[in-house]
Amino acid sequence: MICPLCNCETDRVLTPKIRSGESRSVYYCEKCDLGFLDDSRTDDDLRAFYQKKYREEYKPELKAKADSEKLFDSYVDFQHDRIRLIEPFLNKEKKLLEIGCSAGMFLCHMRDRVQEIIGIDFDINSAEYAKNKCNCKVYTDPIIDTPLEKKSFDLICAFQVLEHVRSPLEFLLQLKDYLKDDGILFVEVPNLHDILVSTYDLKYHEQFYFHAAHLYYFSKKSLSLLFGKAGLVGDFHFTQVYNIINYIFE
């Protein structure tokens, strides 16, 4: 398998089986410290999946029906670490865009802290809920297909999004185009070296952690390499973003 970040060949497999018992391999590049799913879906395939089907499979309560209000209520109170990191850069003159805003659980906290908030999410139901809940514009198309102006945002946030996109480098370069020259990009991803996977021998969690929606599993090293290719520099912070509910359903 060819590493999508460095183009080196690797045959090392992190797992041959992912969540729900599906037989699909996640490969590992030692040079980049990157995990990546063997996946053939196109951008159009992924967009169609996130428009309607994603929340049927990935939701706060696995046995309950997907519901935007329940999604919002489940996660709105777990935004503290994100807010803490971004707060020093907020003021009433800033314009903020969140890619993958879901039902608006982070955007709602930004509503009174900046001049304008805008969201993008492929999930049609969540986007509509976020638009009404946060009283802001929310688009359901890729950023390049929206009427948003380039070089117009002071802050762009992409929380738990980069691991879902077909081409992370292209994605970052697109976001960079929409940032002002002195703008700031906030990116949050799951850690390839999640302590429950890398340190503790929890086989059930390992099969839970690796799943079909995540095309990539980044580390500090692989993110640094990726950001370097995109011409981005910045700081790294480590935090625990999921509440205990995320582990109960293993």
Protein backbone atom coordinates (compact mmCIF):
# COMPACT_ATOMS: atom_id res chain seq x y z
CA MET A 1 0.00 0.00 0.00
CA ILE A 2 1.29 3.50 -0.88
CA CYS A 3 1.29 6.11 1.89
CA PRO A 4 -0.81 9.10 0.77
CA LEU A 5 1.44 11.52 2.66
CA CYS A 6 4.97 10.51 1.64
CA ASN A 7 4.26 8.07 -1.23
CA CYS A 8 6.38 5.37 0.41
CA GLU A 9 5.25 1.77 0.21
CA THR A 10 4.17 -0.02 3.36
CA ASP A 11 2.72 -3.43 4.13
CA ARG A 12 2.28 -2.90 7.88
CA VAL A 13 -1.32 -3.28 9.04
CA LEU A 14 -2.58 -1.73 12.27
CA THR A 15 -5.77 -3.75 12.14
CA PRO A 16 -7.37 -6.03 9.52
CA LYS A 17 -10.82 -5.49 11.03
CA ILE A 18 -12.66 -2.30 11.94
CA ARG A 19 -15.79 -1.38 13.89
CA SER A 20 -18.83 -3.62 13.38
CA GLY A 21 -16.52 -6.49 12.44
CA GLU A 22 -15.97 -5.23 8.91
CA SER A 23 -12.88 -6.78 7.26
CA ARG A 24 -11.00 -3.69 6.10
CA SER A 25 -7.38 -2.86 6.79
CA VAL A 26 -5.89 0.24 8.36
CA TYR A 27 -2.30 0.58 7.17
CA TYR A 28 0.57 2.28 8.94
CA CYS A 29 3.47 4.28 7.50
CA GLU A 30 6.42 4.24 9.88
CA LYS A 31 8.14 7.10 8.06
CA CYS A 32 5.19 9.48 8.53
CA ASP A 33 3.65 7.91 11.64
CA LEU A 34 0.35 7.92 9.78
CA GLY A 35 -2.49 5.42 9.80
CA PHE A 36 -4.79 5.24 6.77
CA LEU A 37 -7.77 3.16 5.76
CA ASP A 38 -7.78 1.08 2.59
CA ASP A 39 -10.68 2.90 0.98
CA SER A 40 -11.81 3.46 -2.61
CA ARG A 41 -14.69 5.89 -2.11
CA THR A 42 -14.65 9.06 -4.20
CA ASP A 43 -15.36 12.60 -2.99
CA ASP A 44 -18.88 12.28 -4.36
CA ASP A 45 -19.37 8.98 -2.52
CA LEU A 46 -18.26 10.54 0.74
CA ARG A 47 -20.40 13.62 0.29
CA ALA A 48 -23.50 11.47 -0.33
CA PHE A 49 -22.67 9.42 2.76
CA TYR A 50 -22.38 12.48 5.01
CA GLN A 51 -25.49 14.13 3.63
CA LYS A 52 -27.87 11.54 5.04
CA LYS A 53 -26.36 8.22 6.14
CA TYR A 54 -23.51 9.23 8.46
CA ARG A 55 -25.68 10.15 11.44
CA GLU A 56 -27.69 6.97 11.06
CA GLU A 57 -24.53 5.03 11.95
CA TYR A 58 -22.60 7.49 14.14
CA LYS A 59 -24.73 9.11 16.83
CA PRO A 60 -24.79 9.71 20.61
CA GLU A 61 -27.11 6.75 21.27
CA LEU A 62 -26.45 3.81 18.97
CA LYS A 63 -29.90 2.27 19.36
CA ALA A 64 -31.81 5.54 19.07
CA LYS A 65 -32.93 7.29 15.91
CA ALA A 66 -30.59 9.98 14.56
CA ASP A 67 -31.87 13.36 15.72
CA SER A 68 -30.20 16.79 15.36
CA GLU A 69 -31.65 18.15 18.59
CA LYS A 70 -30.41 15.14 20.55
CA LEU A 71 -27.01 15.48 18.89
CA PHE A 72 -26.85 19.13 19.92
CA ASP A 73 -27.94 18.44 23.49
CA SER A 74 -25.44 15.58 23.85
CA TYR A 75 -22.37 17.62 22.90
CA VAL A 76 -23.10 21.31 23.50
CA ASP A 77 -21.75 21.16 27.06
CA PHE A 78 -18.51 19.44 26.04
CA GLN A 79 -16.91 22.33 24.13
CA HIS A 80 -14.87 23.78 27.01
CA ASP A 81 -11.39 22.80 25.81
CA ARG A 82 -12.06 24.15 22.33
CA ILE A 83 -13.38 27.41 23.75
CA ARG A 84 -10.40 27.70 26.10
CA LEU A 85 -7.92 27.41 23.23
CA ILE A 86 -9.69 29.78 20.87
CA GLU A 87 -10.88 32.39 23.39
CA PRO A 88 -7.69 34.54 23.36
CA PHE A 89 -8.22 35.15 19.64
CA LEU A 90 -11.88 36.20 19.82
CA ASN A 91 -13.36 39.66 19.66
CA LYS A 92 -16.35 41.43 18.17
CA GLU A 93 -14.45 42.31 14.98
CA LYS A 94 -13.66 38.70 14.04
CA LYS A 95 -15.41 36.55 11.46
CA LEU A 96 -15.45 32.80 12.19
CA LEU A 97 -16.17 29.81 9.97
CA GLU A 98 -16.61 26.27 11.23
CA ILE A 99 -16.22 23.41 8.76
CA GLY A 100 -18.18 20.34 9.86
CA CYS A 101 -20.29 22.36 12.28
CA SER A 102 -22.80 19.51 12.76
CA ALA A 103 -25.84 20.71 14.73
CA GLY A 104 -24.08 23.88 15.92
CA MET A 105 -22.89 22.80 19.36
CA PHE A 106 -19.64 24.80 19.07
CA LEU A 107 -20.98 27.64 16.92
CA CYS A 108 -23.62 28.51 19.52
CA HIS A 109 -20.84 29.33 21.99
CA MET A 110 -19.21 31.66 19.46
CA ARG A 111 -22.37 33.57 18.56
CA ASP A 112 -21.87 36.38 21.09
CA ARG A 113 -18.08 36.34 21.04
CA VAL A 114 -17.40 37.37 17.43
CA GLN A 115 -18.93 39.60 14.79
CA GLU A 116 -20.19 36.80 12.55
CA ILE A 117 -20.34 33.00 12.57
CA ILE A 118 -20.87 30.78 9.53
CA GLY A 119 -20.99 27.00 9.30
CA ILE A 120 -20.59 24.28 6.69
CA ASP A 121 -21.82 20.72 7.07
CA PHE A 122 -22.84 18.08 4.52
CA ASP A 123 -25.47 16.62 6.88
CA ILE A 124 -28.59 18.40 5.63
CA ASN A 125 -30.65 17.95 8.81
CA SER A 126 -27.85 19.05 11.14
CA ALA A 127 -27.04 22.06 8.97
CA GLU A 128 -30.66 23.21 9.05
CA TYR A 129 -30.80 22.74 12.81
CA ALA A 130 -27.54 24.69 13.31
CA LYS A 131 -28.78 27.52 11.09
CA ASN A 132 -31.94 27.93 13.16
CA LYS A 133 -30.34 27.30 16.55
CA CYS A 134 -27.42 29.69 16.03
CA ASN A 135 -29.21 32.17 13.76
CA CYS A 136 -26.44 32.07 11.16
CA LYS A 137 -25.70 30.96 7.62
CA VAL A 138 -24.89 27.28 7.23
CA TYR A 139 -23.95 25.81 3.86
CA THR A 140 -24.15 22.17 2.80
CA ASP A 141 -21.61 22.32 -0.05
CA PRO A 142 -17.80 22.13 -0.10
CA ILE A 143 -16.33 25.54 0.67
CA ILE A 144 -15.22 26.06 -2.94
CA ASP A 145 -18.87 25.68 -4.06
CA THR A 146 -20.23 28.30 -1.67
CA PRO A 147 -20.46 32.07 -2.29
CA LEU A 148 -18.01 32.70 0.56
CA GLU A 149 -15.20 35.08 -0.35
CA LYS A 150 -11.58 34.05 -0.17
CA LYS A 151 -9.33 35.80 2.36
CA SER A 152 -12.42 36.78 4.38
CA PHE A 153 -12.14 34.83 7.64
CA ASP A 154 -10.14 35.64 10.75
CA LEU A 155 -10.75 32.18 12.21
CA ILE A 156 -11.55 28.84 10.61
CA CYS A 157 -12.26 25.79 12.76
CA ALA A 158 -12.30 22.16 11.59
CA PHE A 159 -12.90 19.93 14.59
CA GLN A 160 -12.80 16.18 13.92
CA VAL A 161 -13.02 16.75 10.16
CA LEU A 162 -9.57 16.28 8.63
CA GLU A 163 -9.62 12.52 9.21
CA HIS A 164 -12.81 12.25 7.10
CA VAL A 165 -11.66 13.96 3.87
CA ARG A 166 -10.26 12.23 0.83
CA SER A 167 -7.32 14.60 0.36
CA PRO A 168 -6.21 16.30 3.61
CA LEU A 169 -3.56 18.41 1.85
CA GLU A 170 -6.00 19.75 -0.73
CA PHE A 171 -8.50 20.41 2.04
CA LEU A 172 -6.00 22.45 4.09
CA LEU A 173 -4.91 24.43 1.06
CA GLN A 174 -8.53 25.31 0.34
CA LEU A 175 -9.10 26.50 3.90
CA LYS A 176 -5.90 28.50 3.73
CA ASP A 177 -7.31 30.34 0.70
CA TYR A 178 -10.28 31.52 2.76
CA LEU A 179 -8.22 32.73 5.71
CA LYS A 180 -7.04 36.31 5.94
CA ASP A 181 -3.26 36.67 5.76
CA ASP A 182 -3.13 36.96 9.55
CA GLY A 183 -5.94 34.46 10.10
CA ILE A 184 -5.79 31.37 12.32
CA LEU A 185 -6.83 27.81 11.51
CA PHE A 186 -7.89 25.47 14.34
CA VAL A 187 -7.73 21.78 13.47
CA GLU A 188 -8.67 18.95 15.82
CA VAL A 189 -8.20 15.26 15.03
CA PRO A 190 -8.27 11.96 16.93
CA ASN A 191 -4.81 10.85 18.04
CA LEU A 192 -3.35 7.80 16.32
CA HIS A 193 -1.68 7.07 19.65
CA ASP A 194 -4.90 7.18 21.66
CA ILE A 195 -3.86 5.91 25.07
CA LEU A 196 -6.59 3.27 25.12
CA VAL A 197 -5.21 1.86 21.85
CA SER A 198 -1.46 2.41 22.19
CA THR A 199 -0.91 1.75 25.90
CA TYR A 200 -3.66 -0.57 27.14
CA ASP A 201 -4.36 -3.91 25.51
CA LEU A 202 -8.08 -3.34 25.00
CA LYS A 203 -9.04 -5.32 21.91
CA TYR A 204 -12.69 -4.27 22.03
CA HIS A 205 -11.72 -0.61 22.09
CA GLU A 206 -9.27 -1.13 19.24
CA GLN A 207 -12.06 -2.46 17.03
CA PHE A 208 -14.27 0.42 18.18
CA TYR A 209 -11.61 3.06 17.53
CA PHE A 210 -10.88 2.12 13.92
CA HIS A 211 -13.93 2.57 11.70
CA ALA A 212 -15.05 3.27 8.13
CA ALA A 213 -15.73 6.99 8.56
CA HIS A 214 -12.10 7.78 9.44
CA LEU A 215 -9.83 7.62 6.41
CA TYR A 216 -6.77 8.80 8.35
CA TYR A 217 -5.27 8.47 11.83
CA PHE A 218 -2.88 11.33 12.53
CA SER A 219 -0.08 11.83 15.03
CA LYS A 220 1.89 14.95 15.90
CA LYS A 221 4.56 13.86 13.42
CA SER A 222 2.20 13.19 10.51
CA LEU A 223 0.28 16.41 11.15
CA SER A 224 3.54 18.37 11.22
CA LEU A 225 4.51 16.88 7.86
CA LEU A 226 1.09 17.59 6.40
CA PHE A 227 0.98 21.18 7.69
CA GLY A 228 4.48 21.76 6.34
CA LYS A 229 3.35 20.71 2.88
CA ALA A 230 0.43 23.13 3.17
CA GLY A 231 2.72 25.97 4.27
CA LEU A 232 1.12 26.15 7.72
CA VAL A 233 2.90 26.55 11.07
CA GLY A 234 1.49 26.46 14.58
CA ASP A 235 1.24 24.83 17.97
CA PHE A 236 -0.04 21.46 19.14
CA HIS A 237 -2.30 20.83 22.11
CA PHE A 238 -3.46 17.50 23.51
CA THR A 239 -6.84 17.11 25.16
CA GLN A 240 -9.57 14.60 25.91
CA VAL A 241 -12.64 15.72 23.97
CA TYR A 242 -15.00 12.77 24.34
CA ASN A 243 -17.10 12.23 27.42
CA ILE A 244 -17.52 8.85 29.12
CA ILE A 245 -20.57 8.08 26.94
CA ASN A 246 -18.25 7.53 23.97
CA TYR A 247 -16.72 4.52 25.71
CA ILE A 248 -19.82 2.93 27.20
CA PHE A 249 -21.02 1.56 23.88
CA GLU A 250 -17.91 -0.47 23.11
